[in-house]
Amino acid sequence: MSVAAFDGSFAPLVRPTTRRDGPWYKDRDYLLAGWLSPAIWRAAIVEAVATSCLVYLSLLCADTLSSYNTPRVGGYVGVFNTALLAIFIYATSPASGGHMNPLITFSAILAGLCPVPRGVLYLGGQLLGAALAGAVLTGVWGPDKAARIRGGGCFFAPSVTSAGQVVLNDVFCCFVTLYLSYGVGLDPRQAALFGPRLGPLLVGASLGLVSFASSGIAQGSDGAQANPARCFAAAVARRDMSYQWLWWFGPAAAAVLFAVFYNLIPPHHHQPREPIKSDGHDRRLNV
């Protein structure tokens, strides 16, 4: 079976067909099995490399648009993010599941779709990959330019927008991103509707819509980020960790809120049959 065969994979055809009978937090294997699996460690390395490449190109795009004095930057960013994320998911999902984003991995852990050992290793790989991308960008741009363009992303002007406003926008935009990404790509039930070919493109379109919609909320802000790894890379590139907590707290809060919502309607549990009595007859209904 492929190493990407877990419920939280963006490669639906290799997902396992068995479903657990209870909630994930009572499943010992979900919490502990896999720490020493060479296959999962290799998949985490793939996540590190893919995340590094993804955030590197994403931050380069911001610099390129700025250097050409591009008008209506938000539209270009939305189209670029749609293509960028979709292509990377297509390229990476058979090897690791194609997360490349701590928001996706953390939410998948809490939703019961990504076992804890795999998720923790993926998060570590994504962080290392982002650090590498940020360091390379510092070398490519030079320290002065990297600081001047603020690392290419994840910034706001405190004199115009407060930290609370940034967090509120990030929480809601990340929640929307998760809602759409699960609905078209990550929820195990989506394979029957959209399949492995259309799903990644729709996930990319989801990020494109969110990034475009939030790109003009305030002067001096580049809107919602929905990828803490990208923000970490930008902070490494500009050598400034100020307000870094914002870009992690928002996605983490959104992941928790979405997990609560998602676990109320779990696709990965067997649903019990409840007897319904009517006219003296005992009937059963699937729920």
Protein backbone atom coordinates (compact mmCIF):
# COMPACT_ATOMS: atom_id res chain seq x y z
CA MET A 1 0.00 0.00 0.00
CA SER A 2 1.24 3.52 -0.77
CA VAL A 3 2.77 5.55 2.07
CA ALA A 4 0.20 8.23 1.19
CA ALA A 5 -2.63 5.84 2.10
CA PHE A 6 -4.23 7.64 5.02
CA ASP A 7 -7.57 9.39 5.31
CA GLY A 8 -6.02 12.86 5.25
CA SER A 9 -4.34 12.36 1.89
CA PHE A 10 -5.06 14.46 -1.19
CA ALA A 11 -4.61 11.28 -3.24
CA PRO A 12 -8.06 9.70 -2.66
CA LEU A 13 -7.49 6.55 -4.70
CA VAL A 14 -4.85 5.33 -2.23
CA ARG A 15 -6.85 6.09 0.89
CA PRO A 16 -7.68 3.09 3.09
CA THR A 17 -11.17 1.69 2.76
CA THR A 18 -11.57 0.60 6.40
CA ARG A 19 -13.11 2.93 8.94
CA ARG A 20 -12.65 2.97 12.71
CA ASP A 21 -15.63 2.27 14.95
CA GLY A 22 -14.94 5.03 17.48
CA PRO A 23 -13.53 8.54 17.80
CA TRP A 24 -9.88 9.05 16.90
CA TYR A 25 -8.83 10.16 20.39
CA LYS A 26 -9.72 6.71 21.73
CA ASP A 27 -7.71 4.91 19.05
CA ARG A 28 -4.30 3.92 20.46
CA ASP A 29 -2.82 3.25 17.02
CA TYR A 30 -3.92 6.68 15.80
CA LEU A 31 -2.07 8.31 18.69
CA LEU A 32 1.07 6.18 18.84
CA ALA A 33 1.65 3.92 15.83
CA GLY A 34 4.13 5.03 13.19
CA TRP A 35 6.84 6.91 15.07
CA LEU A 36 9.50 4.44 13.91
CA SER A 37 8.11 3.80 10.44
CA PRO A 38 10.81 4.54 7.80
CA ALA A 39 8.09 5.12 5.20
CA ILE A 40 6.47 7.91 7.24
CA TRP A 41 9.85 9.52 7.92
CA ARG A 42 10.55 9.48 4.19
CA ALA A 43 7.14 11.02 3.55
CA ALA A 44 8.00 13.76 6.07
CA ILE A 45 11.18 14.47 4.09
CA VAL A 46 9.03 14.80 0.96
CA GLU A 47 6.83 17.26 2.85
CA ALA A 48 9.92 19.27 3.83
CA VAL A 49 11.19 19.48 0.26
CA ALA A 50 7.76 20.21 -1.23
CA THR A 51 6.95 22.87 1.38
CA SER A 52 10.31 24.53 0.81
CA CYS A 53 9.73 24.70 -2.95
CA LEU A 54 6.12 25.85 -2.54
CA VAL A 55 6.81 28.76 -0.19
CA TYR A 56 9.93 29.75 -2.12
CA LEU A 57 7.95 30.20 -5.34
CA SER A 58 5.10 31.87 -3.50
CA LEU A 59 7.35 34.52 -1.94
CA LEU A 60 9.22 35.00 -5.21
CA CYS A 61 5.89 35.72 -6.89
CA ALA A 62 5.20 38.54 -4.44
CA ASP A 63 8.57 40.11 -5.20
CA THR A 64 8.09 39.72 -8.95
CA LEU A 65 4.68 41.39 -8.92
CA SER A 66 6.10 44.22 -6.85
CA SER A 67 9.11 44.73 -9.13
CA TYR A 68 6.86 45.11 -12.19
CA ASN A 69 4.58 47.61 -10.40
CA THR A 70 1.67 45.31 -11.21
CA PRO A 71 -1.77 46.90 -10.83
CA ARG A 72 -4.57 44.95 -9.15
CA VAL A 73 -2.10 42.64 -7.43
CA GLY A 74 -4.87 40.70 -5.66
CA GLY A 75 -6.19 39.23 -8.90
CA TYR A 76 -2.77 38.03 -9.97
CA VAL A 77 -2.14 36.54 -6.54
CA GLY A 78 -5.43 34.66 -6.63
CA VAL A 79 -4.72 33.12 -10.05
CA PHE A 80 -1.12 32.34 -9.11
CA ASN A 81 -2.12 30.62 -5.84
CA THR A 82 -4.71 28.52 -7.66
CA ALA A 83 -2.17 27.17 -10.13
CA LEU A 84 0.71 26.92 -7.65
CA LEU A 85 -1.12 24.89 -5.01
CA ALA A 86 -2.92 22.63 -7.47
CA ILE A 87 0.30 21.70 -9.29
CA PHE A 88 2.17 21.02 -6.06
CA ILE A 89 -0.64 18.81 -4.74
CA TYR A 90 -0.65 16.85 -8.00
CA ALA A 91 3.13 16.41 -7.75
CA THR A 92 3.33 15.59 -4.04
CA SER A 93 0.16 13.75 -2.99
CA PRO A 94 1.23 10.27 -4.24
CA ALA A 95 4.37 10.43 -2.06
CA SER A 96 3.13 12.09 1.13
CA GLY A 97 -0.52 13.07 0.73
CA GLY A 98 0.38 16.60 -0.35
CA HIS A 99 -0.25 18.75 2.74
CA MET A 100 2.67 21.25 2.58
CA ASN A 101 0.90 23.44 5.10
CA PRO A 102 0.77 23.24 8.94
CA LEU A 103 -2.84 24.47 8.78
CA ILE A 104 -3.87 21.40 6.76
CA THR A 105 -1.81 18.94 8.80
CA PHE A 106 -2.87 20.23 12.22
CA SER A 107 -6.53 20.32 11.23
CA ALA A 108 -6.28 16.79 9.79
CA ILE A 109 -4.83 15.51 13.08
CA LEU A 110 -7.70 17.01 15.07
CA ALA A 111 -10.27 15.85 12.51
CA GLY A 112 -9.11 12.25 12.86
CA LEU A 113 -7.73 12.00 9.34
CA CYS A 114 -3.96 12.13 9.95
CA PRO A 115 -2.44 9.92 12.69
CA VAL A 116 -0.54 11.90 15.32
CA PRO A 117 2.96 10.52 14.59
CA ARG A 118 2.62 11.23 10.88
CA GLY A 119 1.20 14.68 11.59
CA VAL A 120 3.95 15.68 14.03
CA LEU A 121 6.67 14.52 11.61
CA TYR A 122 4.97 16.40 8.77
CA LEU A 123 4.80 19.58 10.87
CA GLY A 124 8.49 19.30 11.66
CA GLY A 125 9.34 18.73 8.00
CA GLN A 126 7.23 21.68 6.88
CA LEU A 127 8.94 23.96 9.39
CA LEU A 128 12.42 22.86 8.31
CA GLY A 129 11.51 23.27 4.65
CA ALA A 130 10.18 26.76 5.27
CA ALA A 131 13.36 27.74 7.15
CA LEU A 132 15.46 26.52 4.23
CA ALA A 133 13.38 28.51 1.72
CA GLY A 134 13.69 31.66 3.84
CA ALA A 135 17.45 31.28 4.13
CA VAL A 136 17.82 30.77 0.36
CA LEU A 137 15.68 33.85 -0.31
CA THR A 138 17.92 35.94 1.94
CA GLY A 139 20.86 34.82 -0.15
CA VAL A 140 19.05 35.47 -3.44
CA TRP A 141 17.73 38.92 -2.51
CA GLY A 142 20.42 40.00 -0.12
CA PRO A 143 19.65 41.06 3.48
CA ASP A 144 18.83 44.68 2.58
CA LYS A 145 16.31 43.87 -0.15
CA ALA A 146 14.79 41.03 1.89
CA ALA A 147 14.13 43.47 4.73
CA ARG A 148 12.86 46.17 2.36
CA ILE A 149 10.25 43.92 0.74
CA ARG A 150 9.44 42.37 4.13
CA GLY A 151 10.40 38.87 3.07
CA GLY A 152 7.77 38.83 0.36
CA GLY A 153 4.73 38.32 2.57
CA CYS A 154 2.98 38.04 5.94
CA PHE A 155 3.09 41.65 7.04
CA PHE A 156 0.77 44.45 8.11
CA ALA A 157 1.06 48.05 9.22
CA PRO A 158 0.26 48.33 12.98
CA SER A 159 -0.54 52.02 12.48
CA VAL A 160 -3.37 51.09 10.10
CA THR A 161 -4.52 47.62 11.21
CA SER A 162 -4.40 46.23 14.73
CA ALA A 163 -3.06 42.79 15.60
CA GLY A 164 -6.55 41.81 16.73
CA GLN A 165 -8.02 42.65 13.34
CA VAL A 166 -5.31 40.59 11.62
CA VAL A 167 -5.98 37.60 13.86
CA LEU A 168 -9.74 37.83 13.39
CA ASN A 169 -9.38 37.96 9.62
CA ASP A 170 -6.88 35.09 9.61
CA VAL A 171 -9.06 32.86 11.82
CA PHE A 172 -12.11 33.27 9.63
CA CYS A 173 -10.25 33.06 6.31
CA CYS A 174 -8.39 29.94 7.47
CA PHE A 175 -11.69 28.39 8.55
CA VAL A 176 -13.15 29.13 5.11
CA THR A 177 -10.04 27.64 3.48
CA LEU A 178 -10.43 24.46 5.53
CA TYR A 179 -14.15 24.23 4.85
CA LEU A 180 -13.58 24.45 1.11
CA SER A 181 -10.45 22.29 1.05
CA TYR A 182 -12.14 19.46 2.94
CA GLY A 183 -15.31 19.80 0.93
CA VAL A 184 -13.60 19.45 -2.45
CA GLY A 185 -10.40 17.57 -1.69
CA LEU A 186 -9.65 16.20 1.78
CA ASP A 187 -12.89 14.74 3.09
CA PRO A 188 -12.83 10.99 2.30
CA ARG A 189 -16.32 11.29 0.84
CA GLN A 190 -15.17 13.71 -1.86
CA ALA A 191 -13.44 11.03 -3.97
CA ALA A 192 -16.81 9.78 -5.20
CA LEU A 193 -17.80 13.30 -6.26
CA PHE A 194 -14.68 15.00 -7.62
CA GLY A 195 -12.05 12.28 -7.84
CA PRO A 196 -8.26 12.62 -7.72
CA ARG A 197 -8.00 14.71 -10.87
CA LEU A 198 -10.36 17.56 -10.09
CA GLY A 199 -9.87 17.71 -6.29
CA PRO A 200 -6.39 19.35 -6.21
CA LEU A 201 -7.44 21.97 -8.73
CA LEU A 202 -10.48 22.87 -6.63
CA VAL A 203 -8.34 23.06 -3.50
CA GLY A 204 -6.02 25.45 -5.31
CA ALA A 205 -9.03 27.50 -6.42
CA SER A 206 -10.21 27.64 -2.80
CA LEU A 207 -6.93 29.21 -1.69
CA GLY A 208 -7.00 31.52 -4.71
CA LEU A 209 -10.44 32.82 -3.78
CA VAL A 210 -9.50 33.41 -0.14
CA SER A 211 -6.20 35.13 -0.95
CA PHE A 212 -7.85 37.39 -3.52
CA ALA A 213 -10.79 38.28 -1.28
CA SER A 214 -8.55 39.26 1.65
CA SER A 215 -5.77 40.99 -0.30
CA GLY A 216 -7.32 44.45 -0.14
CA ILE A 217 -8.65 44.64 3.41
CA ALA A 218 -6.23 47.39 4.49
CA GLN A 219 -3.35 49.47 3.22
CA GLY A 220 0.00 47.93 4.14
CA SER A 221 -1.39 44.42 4.63
CA ASP A 222 -1.21 41.45 2.30
CA GLY A 223 -4.33 39.80 3.71
CA ALA A 224 -4.92 36.33 5.10
CA GLN A 225 -2.08 33.86 4.71
CA ALA A 226 -3.56 30.40 5.48
CA ASN A 227 -0.07 28.86 5.57
CA PRO A 228 2.12 29.41 8.66
CA ALA A 229 5.09 27.80 6.89
CA ARG A 230 5.04 30.57 4.28
CA CYS A 231 5.00 33.20 7.00
CA PHE A 232 7.87 31.53 8.82
CA ALA A 233 9.90 31.50 5.60
CA ALA A 234 9.17 35.21 5.06
CA ALA A 235 10.27 35.99 8.63
CA VAL A 236 13.51 34.05 8.17
CA ALA A 237 14.14 35.84 4.87
CA ARG A 238 13.73 39.32 6.36
CA ARG A 239 15.39 38.23 9.64
CA ASP A 240 12.56 39.61 11.74
CA MET A 241 10.21 37.44 13.82
CA SER A 242 8.02 40.34 14.97
CA TYR A 243 4.33 39.40 15.13
CA GLN A 244 5.17 35.88 13.97
CA TRP A 245 2.70 34.54 16.53
CA LEU A 246 -0.17 36.09 14.55
CA TRP A 247 0.40 33.83 11.56
CA TRP A 248 0.36 30.73 13.77
CA PHE A 249 -2.38 31.56 16.26
CA GLY A 250 -4.97 32.32 13.57
CA PRO A 251 -4.54 29.04 11.65
CA ALA A 252 -4.32 27.03 14.89
CA ALA A 253 -7.56 28.54 16.21
CA ALA A 254 -9.27 27.94 12.86
CA ALA A 255 -8.07 24.31 12.84
CA VAL A 256 -9.51 23.73 16.32
CA LEU A 257 -12.84 25.33 15.43
CA PHE A 258 -13.06 23.37 12.20
CA ALA A 259 -12.18 20.11 13.97
CA VAL A 260 -15.04 20.63 16.42
CA PHE A 261 -17.40 21.19 13.49
CA TYR A 262 -15.99 18.28 11.50
CA ASN A 263 -16.14 15.78 14.35
CA LEU A 264 -19.83 16.49 14.77
CA ILE A 265 -20.39 14.95 11.31
CA PRO A 266 -17.54 12.39 11.08
CA PRO A 267 -17.29 10.52 7.77
CA HIS A 268 -14.78 8.07 9.24
CA HIS A 269 -17.02 6.53 11.92
CA HIS A 270 -19.63 3.84 11.44
CA GLN A 271 -22.94 5.47 12.20
CA PRO A 272 -25.30 3.44 14.40
CA ARG A 273 -28.72 2.32 13.29
CA GLU A 274 -31.47 3.77 15.42
CA PRO A 275 -34.79 1.96 15.77
CA ILE A 276 -37.88 3.96 14.84
CA LYS A 277 -41.25 2.65 15.93
CA SER A 278 -44.24 3.49 13.81
CA ASP A 279 -47.68 1.86 13.64
CA GLY A 280 -46.52 -0.94 15.89
CA HIS A 281 -43.65 -1.91 13.58
CA ASP A 282 -39.96 -1.67 14.34
CA ARG A 283 -38.07 0.06 11.52
CA ARG A 284 -34.44 1.10 11.17
CA LEU A 285 -32.97 4.12 9.48
CA ASN A 286 -29.40 4.78 8.47
CA VAL A 287 -28.08 8.09 9.84
